[in-house]
Amino acid sequence: MELDAQKLTQTISFFCVYSEHLQYVQGRLPLTLSSDTLMANCMWEFMVIWNRDPEVTYALEQAIVYLRCVQNAALQHG
């Protein structure tokens, strides 16, 4: 359980470090890099990892976290 908490902390740290760069790029590409699109893509990538190895429950947990961040119902339920 401690390892999963450590991975979650690393993921949050990653986004804190790169959030300024991401905001700049989002200003240049507002539709492509909308928050919902990014969160849905991150969720999809974690689902692909989980699908390859169902024993990696961390990937499934992260996918659910990202899915909860998606505000657009069509993306969230599609």
PDB file of N, CA and C in Angstrom:
ATOM      1  N   MET A   1       0.822  -1.193   0.000  1.00  0.00           N
ATOM      2  CA  MET A   1       0.000   0.000   0.000  1.00  0.00           C
ATOM      3  C   MET A   1       0.869   1.260   0.000  1.00  0.00           C
ATOM      4  N   GLU A   2       2.005   1.192   0.694  1.00  0.00           N
ATOM      5  CA  GLU A   2       2.899   2.341   0.763  1.00  0.00           C
ATOM      6  C   GLU A   2       3.445   2.689  -0.611  1.00  0.00           C
ATOM      7  N   LEU A   3       3.721   1.676  -1.432  1.00  0.00           N
ATOM      8  CA  LEU A   3       4.241   1.907  -2.771  1.00  0.00           C
ATOM      9  C   LEU A   3       3.232   2.659  -3.628  1.00  0.00           C
ATOM     10  N   ASP A   4       1.948   2.323  -3.525  1.00  0.00           N
ATOM     11  CA  ASP A   4       0.917   3.009  -4.290  1.00  0.00           C
ATOM     12  C   ASP A   4       0.825   4.480  -3.889  1.00  0.00           C
ATOM     13  N   ALA A   5       0.938   4.776  -2.618  1.00  0.00           N
ATOM     14  CA  ALA A   5       0.910   6.159  -2.156  1.00  0.00           C
ATOM     15  C   ALA A   5       2.116   6.919  -2.678  1.00  0.00           C
ATOM     16  N   GLN A   6       3.255   6.250  -2.739  1.00  0.00           N
ATOM     17  CA  GLN A   6       4.468   6.885  -3.260  1.00  0.00           C
ATOM     18  C   GLN A   6       4.304   7.205  -4.748  1.00  0.00           C
ATOM     19  N   LYS A   7       3.722   6.302  -5.513  1.00  0.00           N
ATOM     20  CA  LYS A   7       3.499   6.543  -6.943  1.00  0.00           C
ATOM     21  C   LYS A   7       2.523   7.690  -7.153  1.00  0.00           C
ATOM     22  N   LEU A   8       1.489   7.756  -6.337  1.00  0.00           N
ATOM     23  CA  LEU A   8       0.524   8.844  -6.434  1.00  0.00           C
ATOM     24  C   LEU A   8       1.203  10.179  -6.147  1.00  0.00           C
ATOM     25  N   THR A   9       2.061  10.219  -5.146  1.00  0.00           N
ATOM     26  CA  THR A   9       2.799  11.435  -4.808  1.00  0.00           C
ATOM     27  C   THR A   9       3.697  11.844  -5.961  1.00  0.00           C
ATOM     28  N   GLN A  10       4.338  10.882  -6.613  1.00  0.00           N
ATOM     29  CA  GLN A  10       5.196  11.182  -7.760  1.00  0.00           C
ATOM     30  C   GLN A  10       4.383  11.744  -8.920  1.00  0.00           C
ATOM     31  N   THR A  11       3.202  11.200  -9.150  1.00  0.00           N
ATOM     32  CA  THR A  11       2.342  11.685 -10.227  1.00  0.00           C
ATOM     33  C   THR A  11       1.914  13.124  -9.966  1.00  0.00           C
ATOM     34  N   ILE A  12       1.532  13.417  -8.736  1.00  0.00           N
ATOM     35  CA  ILE A  12       1.125  14.775  -8.385  1.00  0.00           C
ATOM     36  C   ILE A  12       2.300  15.728  -8.526  1.00  0.00           C
ATOM     37  N   SER A  13       3.484  15.303  -8.094  1.00  0.00           N
ATOM     38  CA  SER A  13       4.684  16.133  -8.212  1.00  0.00           C
ATOM     39  C   SER A  13       4.990  16.434  -9.670  1.00  0.00           C
ATOM     40  N   PHE A  14       4.821  15.438 -10.535  1.00  0.00           N
ATOM     41  CA  PHE A  14       5.059  15.620 -11.961  1.00  0.00           C
ATOM     42  C   PHE A  14       4.172  16.727 -12.519  1.00  0.00           C
ATOM     43  N   PHE A  15       2.890  16.695 -12.182  1.00  0.00           N
ATOM     44  CA  PHE A  15       1.975  17.698 -12.694  1.00  0.00           C
ATOM     45  C   PHE A  15       2.249  19.079 -12.114  1.00  0.00           C
ATOM     46  N   CYS A  16       2.708  19.138 -10.885  1.00  0.00           N
ATOM     47  CA  CYS A  16       3.052  20.433 -10.292  1.00  0.00           C
ATOM     48  C   CYS A  16       4.241  21.047 -11.008  1.00  0.00           C
ATOM     49  N   VAL A  17       5.214  20.237 -11.357  1.00  0.00           N
ATOM     50  CA  VAL A  17       6.419  20.730 -12.027  1.00  0.00           C
ATOM     51  C   VAL A  17       6.098  21.201 -13.441  1.00  0.00           C
ATOM     52  N   TYR A  18       5.278  20.468 -14.154  1.00  0.00           N
ATOM     53  CA  TYR A  18       5.024  20.772 -15.558  1.00  0.00           C
ATOM     54  C   TYR A  18       3.761  21.592 -15.806  1.00  0.00           C
ATOM     55  N   SER A  19       3.056  21.984 -14.777  1.00  0.00           N
ATOM     56  CA  SER A  19       1.802  22.702 -14.985  1.00  0.00           C
ATOM     57  C   SER A  19       2.002  24.047 -15.673  1.00  0.00           C
ATOM     58  N   GLU A  20       3.087  24.748 -15.357  1.00  0.00           N
ATOM     59  CA  GLU A  20       3.340  26.043 -15.998  1.00  0.00           C
ATOM     60  C   GLU A  20       3.575  25.874 -17.494  1.00  0.00           C
ATOM     61  N   HIS A  21       4.357  24.869 -17.868  1.00  0.00           N
ATOM     62  CA  HIS A  21       4.607  24.600 -19.284  1.00  0.00           C
ATOM     63  C   HIS A  21       3.319  24.176 -19.993  1.00  0.00           C
ATOM     64  N   LEU A  22       2.547  23.378 -19.310  1.00  0.00           N
ATOM     65  CA  LEU A  22       1.291  22.907 -19.879  1.00  0.00           C
ATOM     66  C   LEU A  22       0.322  24.067 -20.108  1.00  0.00           C
ATOM     67  N   GLN A  23       0.257  24.998 -19.189  1.00  0.00           N
ATOM     68  CA  GLN A  23      -0.612  26.158 -19.349  1.00  0.00           C
ATOM     69  C   GLN A  23      -0.196  26.992 -20.561  1.00  0.00           C
ATOM     70  N   TYR A  24       1.085  27.118 -20.787  1.00  0.00           N
ATOM     71  CA  TYR A  24       1.574  27.872 -21.949  1.00  0.00           C
ATOM     72  C   TYR A  24       1.140  27.188 -23.255  1.00  0.00           C
ATOM     73  N   VAL A  25       1.342  25.878 -23.318  1.00  0.00           N
ATOM     74  CA  VAL A  25       0.976  25.139 -24.527  1.00  0.00           C
ATOM     75  C   VAL A  25      -0.534  25.148 -24.722  1.00  0.00           C
ATOM     76  N   GLN A  26      -1.294  25.075 -23.630  1.00  0.00           N
ATOM     77  CA  GLN A  26      -2.751  25.126 -23.729  1.00  0.00           C
ATOM     78  C   GLN A  26      -3.208  26.466 -24.294  1.00  0.00           C
ATOM     79  N   GLY A  27      -2.489  27.533 -24.001  1.00  0.00           N
ATOM     80  CA  GLY A  27      -2.820  28.835 -24.560  1.00  0.00           C
ATOM     81  C   GLY A  27      -2.642  28.858 -26.062  1.00  0.00           C
ATOM     82  N   ARG A  28      -1.668  28.102 -26.541  1.00  0.00           N
ATOM     83  CA  ARG A  28      -1.409  28.024 -27.990  1.00  0.00           C
ATOM     84  C   ARG A  28      -2.350  27.064 -28.711  1.00  0.00           C
ATOM     85  N   LEU A  29      -2.744  25.996 -28.045  1.00  0.00           N
ATOM     86  CA  LEU A  29      -3.611  24.966 -28.639  1.00  0.00           C
ATOM     87  C   LEU A  29      -4.805  24.708 -27.719  1.00  0.00           C
ATOM     88  N   PRO A  30      -5.727  25.666 -27.625  1.00  0.00           N
ATOM     89  CA  PRO A  30      -6.790  25.567 -26.615  1.00  0.00           C
ATOM     90  C   PRO A  30      -7.757  24.397 -26.804  1.00  0.00           C
ATOM     91  N   LEU A  31      -8.087  24.048 -28.013  1.00  0.00           N
ATOM     92  CA  LEU A  31      -9.045  22.960 -28.214  1.00  0.00           C
ATOM     93  C   LEU A  31      -8.395  21.595 -28.082  1.00  0.00           C
ATOM     94  N   THR A  32      -7.196  21.463 -28.618  1.00  0.00           N
ATOM     95  CA  THR A  32      -6.497  20.186 -28.580  1.00  0.00           C
ATOM     96  C   THR A  32      -6.096  19.814 -27.165  1.00  0.00           C
ATOM     97  N   LEU A  33      -5.718  20.816 -26.389  1.00  0.00           N
ATOM     98  CA  LEU A  33      -5.221  20.547 -25.047  1.00  0.00           C
ATOM     99  C   LEU A  33      -6.164  21.053 -23.960  1.00  0.00           C
ATOM    100  N   SER A  34      -7.452  20.933 -24.194  1.00  0.00           N
ATOM    101  CA  SER A  34      -8.392  21.296 -23.130  1.00  0.00           C
ATOM    102  C   SER A  34      -8.205  20.327 -21.962  1.00  0.00           C
ATOM    103  N   SER A  35      -8.568  20.746 -20.796  1.00  0.00           N
ATOM    104  CA  SER A  35      -8.374  19.909 -19.607  1.00  0.00           C
ATOM    105  C   SER A  35      -9.090  18.569 -19.741  1.00  0.00           C
ATOM    106  N   ASP A  36     -10.312  18.585 -20.250  1.00  0.00           N
ATOM    107  CA  ASP A  36     -11.054  17.336 -20.397  1.00  0.00           C
ATOM    108  C   ASP A  36     -10.366  16.385 -21.366  1.00  0.00           C
ATOM    109  N   THR A  37      -9.852  16.922 -22.458  1.00  0.00           N
ATOM    110  CA  THR A  37      -9.166  16.087 -23.444  1.00  0.00           C
ATOM    111  C   THR A  37      -7.902  15.485 -22.846  1.00  0.00           C
ATOM    112  N   LEU A  38      -7.140  16.296 -22.136  1.00  0.00           N
ATOM    113  CA  LEU A  38      -5.924  15.788 -21.503  1.00  0.00           C
ATOM    114  C   LEU A  38      -6.234  14.717 -20.465  1.00  0.00           C
ATOM    115  N   MET A  39      -7.223  14.976 -19.633  1.00  0.00           N
ATOM    116  CA  MET A  39      -7.577  14.007 -18.597  1.00  0.00           C
ATOM    117  C   MET A  39      -8.088  12.710 -19.210  1.00  0.00           C
ATOM    118  N   ALA A  40      -8.881  12.806 -20.268  1.00  0.00           N
ATOM    119  CA  ALA A  40      -9.391  11.608 -20.937  1.00  0.00           C
ATOM    120  C   ALA A  40      -8.253  10.816 -21.577  1.00  0.00           C
ATOM    121  N   ASN A  41      -7.285  11.508 -22.175  1.00  0.00           N
ATOM    122  CA  ASN A  41      -6.144  10.820 -22.768  1.00  0.00           C
ATOM    123  C   ASN A  41      -5.271  10.153 -21.715  1.00  0.00           C
ATOM    124  N   CYS A  42      -5.064  10.831 -20.595  1.00  0.00           N
ATOM    125  CA  CYS A  42      -4.296  10.222 -19.502  1.00  0.00           C
ATOM    126  C   CYS A  42      -5.013   8.987 -18.973  1.00  0.00           C
ATOM    127  N   MET A  43      -6.328   9.098 -18.808  1.00  0.00           N
ATOM    128  CA  MET A  43      -7.114   7.965 -18.349  1.00  0.00           C
ATOM    129  C   MET A  43      -6.973   6.792 -19.322  1.00  0.00           C
ATOM    130  N   TRP A  44      -7.051   7.079 -20.601  1.00  0.00           N
ATOM    131  CA  TRP A  44      -6.951   6.034 -21.617  1.00  0.00           C
ATOM    132  C   TRP A  44      -5.590   5.334 -21.537  1.00  0.00           C
ATOM    133  N   GLU A  45      -4.514   6.108 -21.387  1.00  0.00           N
ATOM    134  CA  GLU A  45      -3.182   5.520 -21.312  1.00  0.00           C
ATOM    135  C   GLU A  45      -3.043   4.614 -20.088  1.00  0.00           C
ATOM    136  N   PHE A  46      -3.591   5.027 -18.958  1.00  0.00           N
ATOM    137  CA  PHE A  46      -3.540   4.164 -17.780  1.00  0.00           C
ATOM    138  C   PHE A  46      -4.371   2.902 -17.992  1.00  0.00           C
ATOM    139  N   MET A  47      -5.481   3.011 -18.710  1.00  0.00           N
ATOM    140  CA  MET A  47      -6.293   1.826 -18.996  1.00  0.00           C
ATOM    141  C   MET A  47      -5.553   0.860 -19.913  1.00  0.00           C
ATOM    142  N   VAL A  48      -4.796   1.379 -20.855  1.00  0.00           N
ATOM    143  CA  VAL A  48      -3.995   0.523 -21.743  1.00  0.00           C
ATOM    144  C   VAL A  48      -2.958  -0.245 -20.922  1.00  0.00           C
ATOM    145  N   ILE A  49      -2.309   0.456 -19.983  1.00  0.00           N
ATOM    146  CA  ILE A  49      -1.323  -0.203 -19.117  1.00  0.00           C
ATOM    147  C   ILE A  49      -1.998  -1.299 -18.298  1.00  0.00           C
ATOM    148  N   TRP A  50      -3.138  -0.981 -17.733  1.00  0.00           N
ATOM    149  CA  TRP A  50      -3.864  -1.961 -16.924  1.00  0.00           C
ATOM    150  C   TRP A  50      -4.330  -3.139 -17.774  1.00  0.00           C
ATOM    151  N   ASN A  51      -4.762  -2.880 -19.005  1.00  0.00           N
ATOM    152  CA  ASN A  51      -5.233  -3.939 -19.890  1.00  0.00           C
ATOM    153  C   ASN A  51      -4.103  -4.910 -20.237  1.00  0.00           C
ATOM    154  N   ARG A  52      -2.890  -4.386 -20.383  1.00  0.00           N
ATOM    155  CA  ARG A  52      -1.747  -5.246 -20.679  1.00  0.00           C
ATOM    156  C   ARG A  52      -1.397  -6.151 -19.502  1.00  0.00           C
ATOM    157  N   ASP A  53      -1.545  -5.609 -18.294  1.00  0.00           N
ATOM    158  CA  ASP A  53      -1.211  -6.371 -17.087  1.00  0.00           C
ATOM    159  C   ASP A  53      -2.230  -6.055 -15.999  1.00  0.00           C
ATOM    160  N   PRO A  54      -3.307  -6.827 -15.912  1.00  0.00           N
ATOM    161  CA  PRO A  54      -4.363  -6.564 -14.937  1.00  0.00           C
ATOM    162  C   PRO A  54      -3.890  -6.615 -13.479  1.00  0.00           C
ATOM    163  N   GLU A  55      -2.718  -7.169 -13.243  1.00  0.00           N
ATOM    164  CA  GLU A  55      -2.167  -7.205 -11.890  1.00  0.00           C
ATOM    165  C   GLU A  55      -1.698  -5.819 -11.431  1.00  0.00           C
ATOM    166  N   VAL A  56      -1.497  -4.913 -12.376  1.00  0.00           N
ATOM    167  CA  VAL A  56      -1.040  -3.564 -12.044  1.00  0.00           C
ATOM    168  C   VAL A  56      -2.268  -2.725 -11.690  1.00  0.00           C
ATOM    169  N   THR A  57      -2.699  -2.852 -10.454  1.00  0.00           N
ATOM    170  CA  THR A  57      -3.906  -2.147 -10.034  1.00  0.00           C
ATOM    171  C   THR A  57      -3.680  -0.650  -9.911  1.00  0.00           C
ATOM    172  N   TYR A  58      -2.436  -0.237  -9.759  1.00  0.00           N
ATOM    173  CA  TYR A  58      -2.122   1.190  -9.693  1.00  0.00           C
ATOM    174  C   TYR A  58      -2.624   1.902 -10.948  1.00  0.00           C
ATOM    175  N   ALA A  59      -2.441   1.277 -12.104  1.00  0.00           N
ATOM    176  CA  ALA A  59      -2.864   1.899 -13.362  1.00  0.00           C
ATOM    177  C   ALA A  59      -4.378   2.075 -13.407  1.00  0.00           C
ATOM    178  N   LEU A  60      -5.108   1.090 -12.930  1.00  0.00           N
ATOM    179  CA  LEU A  60      -6.569   1.189 -12.893  1.00  0.00           C
ATOM    180  C   LEU A  60      -7.008   2.287 -11.927  1.00  0.00           C
ATOM    181  N   GLU A  61      -6.358   2.357 -10.775  1.00  0.00           N
ATOM    182  CA  GLU A  61      -6.687   3.396  -9.801  1.00  0.00           C
ATOM    183  C   GLU A  61      -6.438   4.785 -10.368  1.00  0.00           C
ATOM    184  N   GLN A  62      -5.328   4.953 -11.071  1.00  0.00           N
ATOM    185  CA  GLN A  62      -5.009   6.250 -11.670  1.00  0.00           C
ATOM    186  C   GLN A  62      -6.005   6.595 -12.774  1.00  0.00           C
ATOM    187  N   ALA A  63      -6.427   5.601 -13.543  1.00  0.00           N
ATOM    188  CA  ALA A  63      -7.412   5.844 -14.593  1.00  0.00           C
ATOM    189  C   ALA A  63      -8.709   6.379 -13.996  1.00  0.00           C
ATOM    190  N   ILE A  64      -9.115   5.822 -12.882  1.00  0.00           N
ATOM    191  CA  ILE A  64     -10.343   6.282 -12.215  1.00  0.00           C
ATOM    192  C   ILE A  64     -10.179   7.705 -11.699  1.00  0.00           C
ATOM    193  N   VAL A  65      -9.005   8.009 -11.162  1.00  0.00           N
ATOM    194  CA  VAL A  65      -8.739   9.370 -10.674  1.00  0.00           C
ATOM    195  C   VAL A  65      -8.857  10.371 -11.825  1.00  0.00           C
ATOM    196  N   TYR A  66      -8.253  10.053 -12.961  1.00  0.00           N
ATOM    197  CA  TYR A  66      -8.328  10.954 -14.112  1.00  0.00           C
ATOM    198  C   TYR A  66      -9.745  11.052 -14.660  1.00  0.00           C
ATOM    199  N   LEU A  67     -10.469   9.944 -14.682  1.00  0.00           N
ATOM    200  CA  LEU A  67     -11.839   9.956 -15.182  1.00  0.00           C
ATOM    201  C   LEU A  67     -12.726  10.870 -14.347  1.00  0.00           C
ATOM    202  N   ARG A  68     -12.489  10.889 -13.048  1.00  0.00           N
ATOM    203  CA  ARG A  68     -13.276  11.770 -12.178  1.00  0.00           C
ATOM    204  C   ARG A  68     -12.994  13.245 -12.447  1.00  0.00           C
ATOM    205  N   CYS A  69     -11.861  13.553 -13.034  1.00  0.00           N
ATOM    206  CA  CYS A  69     -11.508  14.946 -13.336  1.00  0.00           C
ATOM    207  C   CYS A  69     -12.162  15.453 -14.611  1.00  0.00           C
ATOM    208  N   VAL A  70     -12.669  14.546 -15.441  1.00  0.00           N
ATOM    209  CA  VAL A  70     -13.299  14.935 -16.705  1.00  0.00           C
ATOM    210  C   VAL A  70     -14.675  15.521 -16.409  1.00  0.00           C
ATOM    211  N   GLN A  71     -14.927  16.727 -16.892  1.00  0.00           N
ATOM    212  CA  GLN A  71     -16.201  17.416 -16.655  1.00  0.00           C
ATOM    213  C   GLN A  71     -17.232  17.114 -17.755  1.00  0.00           C
ATOM    214  N   ASN A  72     -16.768  16.870 -18.965  1.00  0.00           N
ATOM    215  CA  ASN A  72     -17.647  16.631 -20.112  1.00  0.00           C
ATOM    216  C   ASN A  72     -18.264  15.231 -20.000  1.00  0.00           C
ATOM    217  N   ALA A  73     -19.573  15.174 -19.910  1.00  0.00           N
ATOM    218  CA  ALA A  73     -20.270  13.904 -19.737  1.00  0.00           C
ATOM    219  C   ALA A  73     -20.070  12.971 -20.928  1.00  0.00           C
ATOM    220  N   ALA A  74     -20.000  13.514 -22.137  1.00  0.00           N
ATOM    221  CA  ALA A  74     -19.801  12.687 -23.323  1.00  0.00           C
ATOM    222  C   ALA A  74     -18.443  11.979 -23.273  1.00  0.00           C
ATOM    223  N   LEU A  75     -17.427  12.676 -22.824  1.00  0.00           N
ATOM    224  CA  LEU A  75     -16.110  12.055 -22.676  1.00  0.00           C
ATOM    225  C   LEU A  75     -16.080  11.090 -21.504  1.00  0.00           C
ATOM    226  N   GLN A  76     -16.723  11.461 -20.443  1.00  0.00           N
ATOM    227  CA  GLN A  76     -16.688  10.671 -19.228  1.00  0.00           C
ATOM    228  C   GLN A  76     -17.408   9.324 -19.405  1.00  0.00           C
ATOM    229  N   HIS A  77     -18.498   9.326 -20.134  1.00  0.00           N
ATOM    230  CA  HIS A  77     -19.292   8.109 -20.293  1.00  0.00           C
ATOM    231  C   HIS A  77     -19.114   7.444 -21.641  1.00  0.00           C
ATOM    232  N   GLY A  78     -18.339   8.062 -22.515  1.00  0.00           N
ATOM    233  CA  GLY A  78     -18.135   7.516 -23.855  1.00  0.00           C
ATOM    234  C   GLY A  78     -17.022   6.565 -23.882  1.00  0.00           C
TER     235      GLY A  78
END
